Amino acid sequence: MTSKFAFNPFVLFPLNIAVLFLLVYTADTFILNANFYEQAVANSGLNWETVLLNTSPKLKLLLYTASVLLLLLKYSLIALLIYTTFYLNEIKVSYQSIFRIVCLAELVFLIPAAIKVAWFIIYPPTGLDQWAAFYPLSIHSVFSGSSIPAAITYPLQLLNAFELIYILMLSYLFYKLLKNDFDQMIKIVLISYLPGLFVWTLIASYFTVMLNPS
């Protein structure tokens, strides 16, 4: 009974959100605070309106709300893609079970977020670009000292060890749930998750270029 409660999606999803918001709060308090933006103004020539906008409580509340909705949409779409692939392969599994496993596997991505916060608490960033570009154990980190075009920054960040761990964790959890062939589970996860990730990468890269064409 306890394990069923612990792995309930109505517990796992709020847990993801709670840990994420704890990391965001820690970053806002110790890293991206008013002093940070004040230094950013001095170093980059930004104006105080930018500082006030980024530190506005109303804006932060709006961003937090949007983040929850986007995460819910992300988890739901990933679960739907995997559910559709299982259905096409004539493997019976409920959408709720898939959503639960997606929520559990998504906890993996809180690890690099925690590493990022811890790193910049010890080594404070000199600007927003340094904060945004940091992603541990990614291909992007290899070229951190180089000038990288905005269009490929996000794709290089996505090529990281945690994406691989995520895929393997999804496959293993489905293997444990369905008692099916592990190789088949990896295949189903790959052909359902990777196309969705590719489309998302194109969209994110497009908006990155639109907002920062340099």
N, C-alpha and C. Protein backbone atom coordinates (compact mmCIF):
# COMPACT_ATOMS: atom_id res chain seq x y z
N MET A 1 0.83 -1.21 0.00
CA MET A 1 0.00 0.00 0.00
C MET A 1 0.86 1.25 0.00
N THR A 2 1.94 1.22 0.80
CA THR A 2 2.84 2.37 0.87
C THR A 2 3.54 2.61 -0.46
N SER A 3 3.99 1.50 -1.10
CA SER A 3 4.69 1.65 -2.38
C SER A 3 3.75 2.18 -3.46
N LYS A 4 2.47 1.73 -3.43
CA LYS A 4 1.51 2.23 -4.41
C LYS A 4 1.30 3.73 -4.23
N PHE A 5 1.26 4.17 -2.97
CA PHE A 5 1.10 5.60 -2.71
C PHE A 5 2.32 6.38 -3.18
N ALA A 6 3.51 5.84 -2.90
CA ALA A 6 4.75 6.53 -3.26
C ALA A 6 4.92 6.67 -4.76
N PHE A 7 4.43 5.68 -5.52
CA PHE A 7 4.58 5.71 -6.97
C PHE A 7 3.30 6.16 -7.68
N ASN A 8 2.42 6.78 -6.93
CA ASN A 8 1.21 7.35 -7.51
C ASN A 8 1.58 8.62 -8.26
N PRO A 9 1.06 8.82 -9.51
CA PRO A 9 1.40 10.04 -10.25
C PRO A 9 0.97 11.31 -9.53
N PHE A 10 -0.08 11.21 -8.69
CA PHE A 10 -0.52 12.38 -7.93
C PHE A 10 0.45 12.72 -6.79
N VAL A 11 1.41 11.82 -6.55
CA VAL A 11 2.48 12.08 -5.59
C VAL A 11 3.77 12.44 -6.34
N LEU A 12 4.07 11.71 -7.41
CA LEU A 12 5.32 11.89 -8.13
C LEU A 12 5.39 13.24 -8.83
N PHE A 13 4.30 13.66 -9.46
CA PHE A 13 4.34 14.94 -10.17
C PHE A 13 4.53 16.11 -9.21
N PRO A 14 3.75 16.21 -8.11
CA PRO A 14 4.03 17.28 -7.13
C PRO A 14 5.43 17.20 -6.53
N LEU A 15 5.96 15.98 -6.40
CA LEU A 15 7.32 15.83 -5.87
C LEU A 15 8.33 16.45 -6.83
N ASN A 16 8.15 16.19 -8.13
CA ASN A 16 9.00 16.82 -9.14
C ASN A 16 8.94 18.34 -9.03
N ILE A 17 7.72 18.86 -8.92
CA ILE A 17 7.52 20.30 -8.86
C ILE A 17 8.14 20.88 -7.59
N ALA A 18 7.94 20.20 -6.47
CA ALA A 18 8.43 20.69 -5.18
C ALA A 18 9.96 20.79 -5.18
N VAL A 19 10.62 19.74 -5.67
CA VAL A 19 12.09 19.75 -5.70
C VAL A 19 12.59 20.81 -6.68
N LEU A 20 11.93 20.91 -7.83
CA LEU A 20 12.33 21.92 -8.82
C LEU A 20 12.20 23.33 -8.26
N PHE A 21 11.07 23.61 -7.60
CA PHE A 21 10.87 24.94 -7.03
C PHE A 21 11.84 25.23 -5.89
N LEU A 22 12.21 24.19 -5.15
CA LEU A 22 13.23 24.37 -4.11
C LEU A 22 14.56 24.80 -4.73
N LEU A 23 14.91 24.18 -5.85
CA LEU A 23 16.14 24.54 -6.54
C LEU A 23 16.04 25.95 -7.13
N VAL A 24 14.87 26.29 -7.68
CA VAL A 24 14.67 27.64 -8.23
C VAL A 24 14.75 28.69 -7.13
N TYR A 25 14.11 28.40 -6.00
CA TYR A 25 14.15 29.33 -4.86
C TYR A 25 15.59 29.52 -4.37
N THR A 26 16.33 28.42 -4.30
CA THR A 26 17.73 28.50 -3.87
C THR A 26 18.55 29.34 -4.83
N ALA A 27 18.32 29.14 -6.13
CA ALA A 27 19.04 29.92 -7.15
C ALA A 27 18.68 31.39 -7.06
N ASP A 28 17.39 31.69 -6.90
CA ASP A 28 16.95 33.09 -6.80
C ASP A 28 17.50 33.77 -5.56
N THR A 29 17.65 33.01 -4.49
CA THR A 29 18.11 33.59 -3.22
C THR A 29 19.62 33.78 -3.18
N PHE A 30 20.37 32.78 -3.66
CA PHE A 30 21.82 32.82 -3.49
C PHE A 30 22.60 33.12 -4.76
N ILE A 31 21.95 33.05 -5.93
CA ILE A 31 22.68 33.25 -7.19
C ILE A 31 22.09 34.39 -8.01
N LEU A 32 20.86 34.19 -8.50
CA LEU A 32 20.23 35.19 -9.37
C LEU A 32 19.44 36.21 -8.56
N ASN A 33 20.10 36.82 -7.60
CA ASN A 33 19.44 37.79 -6.74
C ASN A 33 19.68 39.22 -7.24
N ALA A 34 19.24 40.20 -6.46
CA ALA A 34 19.36 41.60 -6.88
C ALA A 34 20.81 42.01 -7.08
N ASN A 35 21.71 41.51 -6.23
CA ASN A 35 23.13 41.84 -6.38
C ASN A 35 23.70 41.32 -7.69
N PHE A 36 23.25 40.12 -8.08
CA PHE A 36 23.71 39.55 -9.35
C PHE A 36 23.29 40.45 -10.51
N TYR A 37 22.01 40.87 -10.52
CA TYR A 37 21.53 41.70 -11.62
C TYR A 37 22.16 43.09 -11.60
N GLU A 38 22.50 43.56 -10.42
CA GLU A 38 23.18 44.86 -10.31
C GLU A 38 24.56 44.78 -10.97
N GLN A 39 25.26 43.67 -10.73
CA GLN A 39 26.57 43.48 -11.35
C GLN A 39 26.43 43.28 -12.86
N ALA A 40 25.34 42.60 -13.26
CA ALA A 40 25.09 42.38 -14.68
C ALA A 40 24.89 43.72 -15.40
N VAL A 41 24.22 44.66 -14.72
CA VAL A 41 24.03 45.99 -15.28
C VAL A 41 25.37 46.68 -15.48
N ALA A 42 26.22 46.57 -14.48
CA ALA A 42 27.53 47.23 -14.55
C ALA A 42 28.43 46.61 -15.62
N ASN A 43 28.32 45.29 -15.81
CA ASN A 43 29.22 44.60 -16.74
C ASN A 43 28.76 44.61 -18.18
N SER A 44 27.44 44.67 -18.39
CA SER A 44 26.94 44.51 -19.76
C SER A 44 26.17 45.71 -20.28
N GLY A 45 25.95 46.72 -19.48
CA GLY A 45 25.25 47.89 -19.95
C GLY A 45 23.74 47.74 -19.98
N LEU A 46 23.19 46.74 -19.29
CA LEU A 46 21.74 46.61 -19.19
C LEU A 46 21.18 47.78 -18.39
N ASN A 47 19.88 48.03 -18.53
CA ASN A 47 19.28 49.11 -17.77
C ASN A 47 18.54 48.56 -16.55
N TRP A 48 18.18 49.46 -15.65
CA TRP A 48 17.56 49.02 -14.40
C TRP A 48 16.17 48.44 -14.62
N GLU A 49 15.53 48.82 -15.75
CA GLU A 49 14.21 48.23 -16.04
C GLU A 49 14.33 46.72 -16.22
N THR A 50 15.45 46.28 -16.81
CA THR A 50 15.69 44.84 -16.98
C THR A 50 15.83 44.15 -15.63
N VAL A 51 16.55 44.80 -14.72
CA VAL A 51 16.74 44.25 -13.39
C VAL A 51 15.41 44.13 -12.66
N LEU A 52 14.62 45.21 -12.70
CA LEU A 52 13.33 45.20 -12.01
C LEU A 52 12.39 44.17 -12.61
N LEU A 53 12.46 43.99 -13.93
CA LEU A 53 11.61 43.00 -14.59
C LEU A 53 11.96 41.59 -14.15
N ASN A 54 13.26 41.29 -14.11
CA ASN A 54 13.70 39.94 -13.75
C ASN A 54 13.49 39.62 -12.28
N THR A 55 13.41 40.64 -11.43
CA THR A 55 13.23 40.40 -10.00
C THR A 55 11.80 40.67 -9.55
N SER A 56 10.90 40.94 -10.46
CA SER A 56 9.51 41.25 -10.12
C SER A 56 8.80 40.01 -9.56
N PRO A 57 8.21 40.11 -8.36
CA PRO A 57 7.48 38.96 -7.78
C PRO A 57 6.33 38.49 -8.67
N LYS A 58 5.64 39.44 -9.32
CA LYS A 58 4.52 39.07 -10.18
C LYS A 58 5.01 38.27 -11.39
N LEU A 59 6.13 38.70 -11.95
CA LEU A 59 6.68 37.98 -13.10
C LEU A 59 7.11 36.57 -12.69
N LYS A 60 7.75 36.47 -11.53
CA LYS A 60 8.20 35.17 -11.04
C LYS A 60 7.02 34.24 -10.81
N LEU A 61 5.94 34.76 -10.23
CA LEU A 61 4.75 33.94 -10.01
C LEU A 61 4.19 33.45 -11.33
N LEU A 62 4.18 34.34 -12.34
CA LEU A 62 3.69 33.96 -13.67
C LEU A 62 4.58 32.87 -14.28
N LEU A 63 5.90 33.03 -14.12
CA LEU A 63 6.84 32.04 -14.68
C LEU A 63 6.72 30.70 -13.96
N TYR A 64 6.53 30.73 -12.64
CA TYR A 64 6.38 29.49 -11.89
C TYR A 64 5.12 28.75 -12.33
N THR A 65 4.03 29.49 -12.49
CA THR A 65 2.76 28.88 -12.93
C THR A 65 2.91 28.29 -14.32
N ALA A 66 3.54 29.05 -15.21
CA ALA A 66 3.75 28.56 -16.58
C ALA A 66 4.64 27.31 -16.58
N SER A 67 5.62 27.28 -15.68
CA SER A 67 6.53 26.13 -15.60
C SER A 67 5.79 24.86 -15.22
N VAL A 68 4.87 24.98 -14.26
CA VAL A 68 4.09 23.82 -13.83
C VAL A 68 3.25 23.30 -14.99
N LEU A 69 2.59 24.21 -15.70
CA LEU A 69 1.74 23.81 -16.82
C LEU A 69 2.56 23.19 -17.95
N LEU A 70 3.74 23.75 -18.21
CA LEU A 70 4.59 23.20 -19.27
C LEU A 70 5.13 21.82 -18.90
N LEU A 71 5.47 21.63 -17.64
CA LEU A 71 5.94 20.32 -17.20
C LEU A 71 4.83 19.28 -17.29
N LEU A 72 3.63 19.67 -16.89
CA LEU A 72 2.48 18.76 -17.00
C LEU A 72 2.24 18.40 -18.46
N LEU A 73 2.33 19.40 -19.35
CA LEU A 73 2.16 19.15 -20.79
C LEU A 73 3.26 18.24 -21.31
N LYS A 74 4.50 18.49 -20.88
CA LYS A 74 5.63 17.67 -21.31
C LYS A 74 5.45 16.22 -20.90
N TYR A 75 5.16 15.98 -19.63
CA TYR A 75 4.98 14.61 -19.13
C TYR A 75 3.83 13.92 -19.86
N SER A 76 2.74 14.66 -20.07
CA SER A 76 1.56 14.09 -20.71
C SER A 76 1.84 13.70 -22.15
N LEU A 77 2.58 14.55 -22.88
CA LEU A 77 2.87 14.26 -24.28
C LEU A 77 3.85 13.09 -24.41
N ILE A 78 4.86 13.04 -23.53
CA ILE A 78 5.79 11.91 -23.56
C ILE A 78 5.05 10.61 -23.28
N ALA A 79 4.18 10.64 -22.27
CA ALA A 79 3.39 9.45 -21.93
C ALA A 79 2.48 9.05 -23.09
N LEU A 80 1.91 10.04 -23.78
CA LEU A 80 1.02 9.76 -24.90
C LEU A 80 1.79 9.13 -26.06
N LEU A 81 2.98 9.64 -26.35
CA LEU A 81 3.80 9.08 -27.43
C LEU A 81 4.17 7.63 -27.13
N ILE A 82 4.55 7.37 -25.89
CA ILE A 82 4.94 6.00 -25.51
C ILE A 82 3.71 5.09 -25.52
N TYR A 83 2.59 5.60 -25.02
CA TYR A 83 1.35 4.82 -25.00
C TYR A 83 0.96 4.43 -26.44
N THR A 84 1.07 5.37 -27.36
CA THR A 84 0.71 5.11 -28.76
C THR A 84 1.63 4.04 -29.36
N THR A 85 2.91 4.11 -29.03
CA THR A 85 3.86 3.12 -29.54
C THR A 85 3.57 1.73 -28.99
N PHE A 86 3.25 1.66 -27.70
CA PHE A 86 2.87 0.37 -27.12
C PHE A 86 1.61 -0.17 -27.80
N TYR A 87 0.65 0.71 -28.03
CA TYR A 87 -0.61 0.30 -28.66
C TYR A 87 -0.36 -0.25 -30.07
N LEU A 88 0.51 0.44 -30.84
CA LEU A 88 0.81 -0.01 -32.20
C LEU A 88 1.57 -1.33 -32.21
N ASN A 89 2.29 -1.60 -31.12
CA ASN A 89 3.01 -2.87 -31.00
C ASN A 89 2.18 -3.93 -30.29
N GLU A 90 0.90 -3.62 -30.07
CA GLU A 90 -0.06 -4.55 -29.46
C GLU A 90 0.38 -5.02 -28.08
N ILE A 91 0.93 -4.07 -27.31
CA ILE A 91 1.30 -4.34 -25.92
C ILE A 91 0.37 -3.54 -25.02
N LYS A 92 -0.35 -4.24 -24.17
CA LYS A 92 -1.36 -3.59 -23.33
C LYS A 92 -0.73 -2.99 -22.07
N VAL A 93 -0.90 -1.71 -21.89
CA VAL A 93 -0.44 -1.02 -20.68
C VAL A 93 -1.28 0.26 -20.56
N SER A 94 -1.66 0.60 -19.36
CA SER A 94 -2.52 1.75 -19.16
C SER A 94 -1.74 3.05 -19.28
N TYR A 95 -2.43 4.10 -19.70
CA TYR A 95 -1.81 5.43 -19.81
C TYR A 95 -1.35 5.91 -18.44
N GLN A 96 -2.12 5.63 -17.39
CA GLN A 96 -1.76 6.06 -16.04
C GLN A 96 -0.43 5.44 -15.60
N SER A 97 -0.23 4.16 -15.94
CA SER A 97 1.03 3.49 -15.59
C SER A 97 2.21 4.13 -16.32
N ILE A 98 1.99 4.48 -17.59
CA ILE A 98 3.05 5.11 -18.36
C ILE A 98 3.36 6.50 -17.80
N PHE A 99 2.32 7.25 -17.48
CA PHE A 99 2.51 8.60 -16.91
C PHE A 99 3.27 8.52 -15.59
N ARG A 100 2.95 7.51 -14.78
CA ARG A 100 3.63 7.32 -13.50
C ARG A 100 5.12 7.07 -13.72
N ILE A 101 5.43 6.22 -14.69
CA ILE A 101 6.83 5.90 -14.98
C ILE A 101 7.57 7.11 -15.53
N VAL A 102 6.90 7.89 -16.37
CA VAL A 102 7.51 9.12 -16.89
C VAL A 102 7.84 10.08 -15.75
N CYS A 103 6.90 10.24 -14.81
CA CYS A 103 7.13 11.12 -13.66
C CYS A 103 8.32 10.64 -12.83
N LEU A 104 8.43 9.34 -12.68
CA LEU A 104 9.53 8.78 -11.89
C LEU A 104 10.87 8.98 -12.60
N ALA A 105 10.89 8.72 -13.91
CA ALA A 105 12.13 8.87 -14.68
C ALA A 105 12.56 10.33 -14.77
N GLU A 106 11.60 11.25 -14.80
CA GLU A 106 11.93 12.67 -14.91
C GLU A 106 12.70 13.20 -13.71
N LEU A 107 12.68 12.46 -12.60
CA LEU A 107 13.47 12.86 -11.42
C LEU A 107 14.96 12.90 -11.76
N VAL A 108 15.36 12.17 -12.80
CA VAL A 108 16.76 12.17 -13.22
C VAL A 108 17.23 13.57 -13.57
N PHE A 109 16.36 14.35 -14.20
CA PHE A 109 16.76 15.68 -14.67
C PHE A 109 16.89 16.70 -13.53
N LEU A 110 16.47 16.32 -12.34
CA LEU A 110 16.69 17.19 -11.19
C LEU A 110 18.15 17.13 -10.72
N ILE A 111 18.85 16.07 -11.11
CA ILE A 111 20.26 15.93 -10.71
C ILE A 111 21.13 17.01 -11.35
N PRO A 112 21.08 17.19 -12.70
CA PRO A 112 21.90 18.28 -13.27
C PRO A 112 21.47 19.66 -12.79
N ALA A 113 20.16 19.82 -12.51
CA ALA A 113 19.69 21.10 -11.98
C ALA A 113 20.30 21.38 -10.62
N ALA A 114 20.37 20.34 -9.78
CA ALA A 114 20.97 20.49 -8.45
C ALA A 114 22.47 20.75 -8.56
N ILE A 115 23.13 20.07 -9.50
CA ILE A 115 24.57 20.29 -9.72
C ILE A 115 24.82 21.72 -10.16
N LYS A 116 23.97 22.22 -11.04
CA LYS A 116 24.11 23.59 -11.55
C LYS A 116 23.98 24.61 -10.43
N VAL A 117 22.98 24.45 -9.57
CA VAL A 117 22.79 25.38 -8.45
C VAL A 117 23.97 25.31 -7.49
N ALA A 118 24.39 24.10 -7.16
CA ALA A 118 25.52 23.94 -6.23
C ALA A 118 26.80 24.54 -6.81
N TRP A 119 27.02 24.33 -8.11
CA TRP A 119 28.23 24.84 -8.76
C TRP A 119 28.29 26.37 -8.69
N PHE A 120 27.16 27.02 -9.01
CA PHE A 120 27.18 28.48 -9.06
C PHE A 120 27.06 29.13 -7.68
N ILE A 121 26.66 28.36 -6.68
CA ILE A 121 26.76 28.88 -5.31
C ILE A 121 28.23 28.97 -4.92
N ILE A 122 29.01 27.97 -5.35
CA ILE A 122 30.45 27.96 -5.05
C ILE A 122 31.21 28.91 -5.97
N TYR A 123 30.86 28.88 -7.27
CA TYR A 123 31.51 29.73 -8.26
C TYR A 123 30.46 30.61 -8.93
N PRO A 124 30.14 31.77 -8.34
CA PRO A 124 29.06 32.63 -8.86
C PRO A 124 29.29 33.01 -10.33
N PRO A 125 28.21 33.00 -11.13
CA PRO A 125 28.34 33.36 -12.55
C PRO A 125 28.61 34.85 -12.72
N THR A 126 29.29 35.20 -13.80
CA THR A 126 29.58 36.61 -14.08
C THR A 126 28.48 37.27 -14.90
N GLY A 127 27.58 36.45 -15.46
CA GLY A 127 26.50 36.99 -16.27
C GLY A 127 25.45 35.94 -16.57
N LEU A 128 24.34 36.37 -17.15
CA LEU A 128 23.25 35.44 -17.47
C LEU A 128 23.66 34.42 -18.54
N ASP A 129 24.54 34.83 -19.46
CA ASP A 129 24.98 33.91 -20.50
C ASP A 129 25.69 32.70 -19.90
N GLN A 130 26.53 32.95 -18.91
CA GLN A 130 27.24 31.85 -18.25
C GLN A 130 26.28 30.93 -17.52
N TRP A 131 25.27 31.51 -16.88
CA TRP A 131 24.25 30.72 -16.18
C TRP A 131 23.46 29.87 -17.17
N ALA A 132 23.03 30.48 -18.28
CA ALA A 132 22.18 29.78 -19.24
C ALA A 132 22.94 28.69 -19.99
N ALA A 133 24.24 28.90 -20.20
CA ALA A 133 25.01 27.96 -21.02
C ALA A 133 25.45 26.71 -20.25
N PHE A 134 25.41 26.76 -18.93
CA PHE A 134 25.95 25.67 -18.13
C PHE A 134 25.01 24.46 -18.11
N TYR A 135 25.52 23.31 -18.50
CA TYR A 135 24.79 22.04 -18.37
C TYR A 135 25.81 20.94 -18.16
N PRO A 136 25.86 20.35 -16.96
CA PRO A 136 26.91 19.37 -16.65
C PRO A 136 26.79 18.10 -17.49
N LEU A 137 27.96 17.54 -17.82
CA LEU A 137 28.07 16.27 -18.57
C LEU A 137 27.36 16.33 -19.91
N SER A 138 27.42 17.49 -20.57
CA SER A 138 26.85 17.65 -21.90
C SER A 138 27.95 17.93 -22.91
N ILE A 139 27.66 17.74 -24.20
CA ILE A 139 28.61 18.07 -25.25
C ILE A 139 28.90 19.57 -25.23
N HIS A 140 27.89 20.35 -24.87
CA HIS A 140 28.07 21.80 -24.84
C HIS A 140 29.17 22.22 -23.87
N SER A 141 29.30 21.49 -22.77
CA SER A 141 30.31 21.84 -21.77
C SER A 141 31.73 21.67 -22.30
N VAL A 142 31.90 20.80 -23.31
CA VAL A 142 33.21 20.61 -23.92
C VAL A 142 33.66 21.86 -24.67
N PHE A 143 32.64 22.58 -25.25
CA PHE A 143 32.95 23.79 -26.03
C PHE A 143 32.62 25.06 -25.26
N SER A 144 32.61 24.98 -23.92
CA SER A 144 32.18 26.11 -23.10
C SER A 144 33.04 27.35 -23.30
N GLY A 145 34.30 27.15 -23.68
CA GLY A 145 35.17 28.30 -23.87
C GLY A 145 35.12 28.86 -25.27
N SER A 146 34.33 28.26 -26.15
CA SER A 146 34.26 28.68 -27.55
C SER A 146 33.00 29.50 -27.79
N SER A 147 33.04 30.20 -28.92
CA SER A 147 31.85 30.96 -29.34
C SER A 147 30.94 30.02 -30.12
N ILE A 148 29.81 29.66 -29.54
CA ILE A 148 28.90 28.69 -30.14
C ILE A 148 27.67 29.41 -30.67
N PRO A 149 27.27 29.16 -31.92
CA PRO A 149 26.07 29.79 -32.46
C PRO A 149 24.84 29.46 -31.63
N ALA A 150 23.94 30.44 -31.49
CA ALA A 150 22.74 30.25 -30.67
C ALA A 150 21.90 29.08 -31.15
N ALA A 151 21.92 28.81 -32.47
CA ALA A 151 21.06 27.76 -33.04
C ALA A 151 21.42 26.37 -32.55
N ILE A 152 22.70 26.15 -32.19
CA ILE A 152 23.10 24.80 -31.78
C ILE A 152 23.41 24.71 -30.28
N THR A 153 23.23 25.80 -29.55
CA THR A 153 23.51 25.77 -28.12
C THR A 153 22.61 24.77 -27.41
N TYR A 154 21.30 24.87 -27.63
CA TYR A 154 20.36 23.97 -26.95
C TYR A 154 20.53 22.51 -27.38
N PRO A 155 20.69 22.22 -28.70
CA PRO A 155 20.93 20.82 -29.08
C PRO A 155 22.18 20.22 -28.43
N LEU A 156 23.24 21.02 -28.31
CA LEU A 156 24.46 20.52 -27.67
C LEU A 156 24.25 20.27 -26.18
N GLN A 157 23.39 21.07 -25.55
CA GLN A 157 23.06 20.84 -24.14
C GLN A 157 22.25 19.56 -23.97
N LEU A 158 21.39 19.26 -24.96
CA LEU A 158 20.57 18.05 -24.87
C LEU A 158 21.39 16.77 -25.05
N LEU A 159 22.53 16.88 -25.68
CA LEU A 159 23.41 15.71 -25.83
C LEU A 159 24.21 15.56 -24.55
N ASN A 160 23.59 14.94 -23.57
CA ASN A 160 24.23 14.83 -22.26
C ASN A 160 23.99 13.44 -21.65
N ALA A 161 24.74 13.15 -20.61
CA ALA A 161 24.67 11.83 -19.98
C ALA A 161 23.31 11.57 -19.34
N PHE A 162 22.63 12.62 -18.90
CA PHE A 162 21.37 12.43 -18.19
C PHE A 162 20.23 12.04 -19.14
N GLU A 163 20.31 12.47 -20.39
CA GLU A 163 19.32 12.02 -21.39
C GLU A 163 19.46 10.51 -21.60
N LEU A 164 20.70 10.05 -21.65
CA LEU A 164 20.93 8.60 -21.82
C LEU A 164 20.42 7.83 -20.61
N ILE A 165 20.71 8.35 -19.41
CA ILE A 165 20.22 7.71 -18.18
C ILE A 165 18.70 7.69 -18.17
N TYR A 166 18.08 8.78 -18.62
CA TYR A 166 16.62 8.88 -18.66
C TYR A 166 16.02 7.80 -19.56
N ILE A 167 16.60 7.64 -20.75
CA ILE A 167 16.10 6.63 -21.69
C ILE A 167 16.26 5.23 -21.13
N LEU A 168 17.40 4.96 -20.52
CA LEU A 168 17.65 3.64 -19.93
C LEU A 168 16.72 3.39 -18.74
N MET A 169 16.46 4.45 -17.97
CA MET A 169 15.58 4.30 -16.81
C MET A 169 14.14 4.04 -17.24
N LEU A 170 13.67 4.76 -18.26
CA LEU A 170 12.34 4.49 -18.80
C LEU A 170 12.24 3.04 -19.27
N SER A 171 13.23 2.61 -20.02
CA SER A 171 13.23 1.24 -20.56
C SER A 171 13.22 0.21 -19.44
N TYR A 172 14.03 0.44 -18.41
CA TYR A 172 14.11 -0.51 -17.30
C TYR A 172 12.79 -0.56 -16.53
N LEU A 173 12.17 0.58 -16.29
CA LEU A 173 10.92 0.62 -15.54
C LEU A 173 9.79 -0.07 -16.31
N PHE A 174 9.78 0.10 -17.64
CA PHE A 174 8.77 -0.60 -18.45
C PHE A 174 9.07 -2.11 -18.47
N TYR A 175 10.34 -2.44 -18.48
CA TYR A 175 10.74 -3.86 -18.42
C TYR A 175 10.25 -4.49 -17.12
N LYS A 176 10.42 -3.78 -16.00
CA LYS A 176 9.97 -4.30 -14.71
C LYS A 176 8.44 -4.37 -14.63
N LEU A 177 7.78 -3.39 -15.25
CA LEU A 177 6.32 -3.35 -15.21
C LEU A 177 5.70 -4.46 -16.05
N LEU A 178 6.22 -4.64 -17.26
CA LEU A 178 5.57 -5.53 -18.22
C LEU A 178 6.21 -6.91 -18.29
N LYS A 179 7.37 -7.07 -17.62
CA LYS A 179 8.09 -8.35 -17.67
C LYS A 179 8.34 -8.77 -19.11
N ASN A 180 8.69 -7.78 -19.94
CA ASN A 180 8.92 -8.03 -21.36
C ASN A 180 10.41 -7.96 -21.66
N ASP A 181 10.76 -8.18 -22.93
CA ASP A 181 12.15 -8.15 -23.34
C ASP A 181 12.73 -6.74 -23.17
N PHE A 182 13.88 -6.62 -22.52
CA PHE A 182 14.46 -5.31 -22.24
C PHE A 182 14.85 -4.59 -23.53
N ASP A 183 15.40 -5.32 -24.50
CA ASP A 183 15.78 -4.71 -25.77
C ASP A 183 14.56 -4.12 -26.48
N GLN A 184 13.43 -4.82 -26.39
CA GLN A 184 12.21 -4.32 -27.01
C GLN A 184 11.74 -3.05 -26.31
N MET A 185 11.91 -2.98 -24.99
CA MET A 185 11.52 -1.79 -24.24
C MET A 185 12.37 -0.59 -24.65
N ILE A 186 13.67 -0.84 -24.83
CA ILE A 186 14.55 0.24 -25.29
C ILE A 186 14.12 0.72 -26.67
N LYS A 187 13.80 -0.22 -27.54
CA LYS A 187 13.38 0.13 -28.89
C LYS A 187 12.11 0.98 -28.86
N ILE A 188 11.14 0.58 -28.04
CA ILE A 188 9.88 1.33 -27.96
C ILE A 188 10.10 2.73 -27.41
N VAL A 189 10.94 2.85 -26.39
CA VAL A 189 11.24 4.17 -25.82
C VAL A 189 11.94 5.05 -26.85
N LEU A 190 12.88 4.47 -27.59
CA LEU A 190 13.63 5.26 -28.56
C LEU A 190 12.75 5.76 -29.70
N ILE A 191 11.92 4.88 -30.25
CA ILE A 191 11.12 5.28 -31.41
C ILE A 191 9.94 6.17 -31.03
N SER A 192 9.64 6.25 -29.74
CA SER A 192 8.56 7.15 -29.30
C SER A 192 9.10 8.46 -28.74
N TYR A 193 10.17 8.38 -27.95
CA TYR A 193 10.69 9.57 -27.27
C TYR A 193 11.57 10.43 -28.17
N LEU A 194 12.45 9.81 -28.94
CA LEU A 194 13.42 10.58 -29.73
C LEU A 194 12.79 11.47 -30.80
N PRO A 195 11.77 11.00 -31.55
CA PRO A 195 11.14 11.92 -32.51
C PRO A 195 10.51 13.15 -31.84
N GLY A 196 9.85 12.94 -30.68
CA GLY A 196 9.29 14.06 -29.95
C GLY A 196 10.36 15.01 -29.46
N LEU A 197 11.49 14.45 -28.99
CA LEU A 197 12.61 15.28 -28.53
C LEU A 197 13.20 16.06 -29.69
N PHE A 198 13.26 15.45 -30.86
CA PHE A 198 13.80 16.12 -32.04
C PHE A 198 12.94 17.32 -32.43
N VAL A 199 11.63 17.12 -32.45
CA VAL A 199 10.72 18.22 -32.80
C VAL A 199 10.82 19.34 -31.78
N TRP A 200 10.86 18.97 -30.49
CA TRP A 200 10.99 19.98 -29.43
C TRP A 200 12.31 20.75 -29.58
N THR A 201 13.39 20.06 -29.95
CA THR A 201 14.68 20.71 -30.12
C THR A 201 14.64 21.73 -31.26
N LEU A 202 13.98 21.39 -32.35
CA LEU A 202 13.83 22.32 -33.46
C LEU A 202 13.07 23.57 -33.04
N ILE A 203 11.97 23.37 -32.29
CA ILE A 203 11.16 24.51 -31.84
C ILE A 203 11.97 25.39 -30.88
N ALA A 204 12.64 24.76 -29.91
CA ALA A 204 13.41 25.52 -28.92
C ALA A 204 14.57 26.26 -29.59
N SER A 205 15.22 25.62 -30.56
CA SER A 205 16.34 26.26 -31.26
C SER A 205 15.86 27.45 -32.08
N TYR A 206 14.70 27.30 -32.70
CA TYR A 206 14.14 28.40 -33.49
C TYR A 206 13.88 29.63 -32.62
N PHE A 207 13.24 29.41 -31.48
CA PHE A 207 12.94 30.54 -30.59
C PHE A 207 14.22 31.11 -29.96
N THR A 208 15.22 30.26 -29.76
CA THR A 208 16.50 30.74 -29.25
C THR A 208 17.14 31.71 -30.23
N VAL A 209 17.09 31.35 -31.51
CA VAL A 209 17.67 32.20 -32.54
C VAL A 209 16.86 33.50 -32.68
N MET A 210 15.53 33.39 -32.58
CA MET A 210 14.69 34.59 -32.69
C MET A 210 14.97 35.57 -31.55
N LEU A 211 15.19 35.04 -30.35
CA LEU A 211 15.43 35.90 -29.19
C LEU A 211 16.89 36.36 -29.09
N ASN A 212 17.79 35.53 -29.63
CA ASN A 212 19.22 35.85 -29.54
C ASN A 212 19.90 35.43 -30.84
N PRO A 213 19.78 36.23 -31.90
CA PRO A 213 20.28 35.83 -33.22
C PRO A 213 21.78 35.79 -33.34
N SER A 214 22.52 36.36 -32.37
CA SER A 214 23.98 36.39 -32.48
C SER A 214 24.58 35.01 -32.22
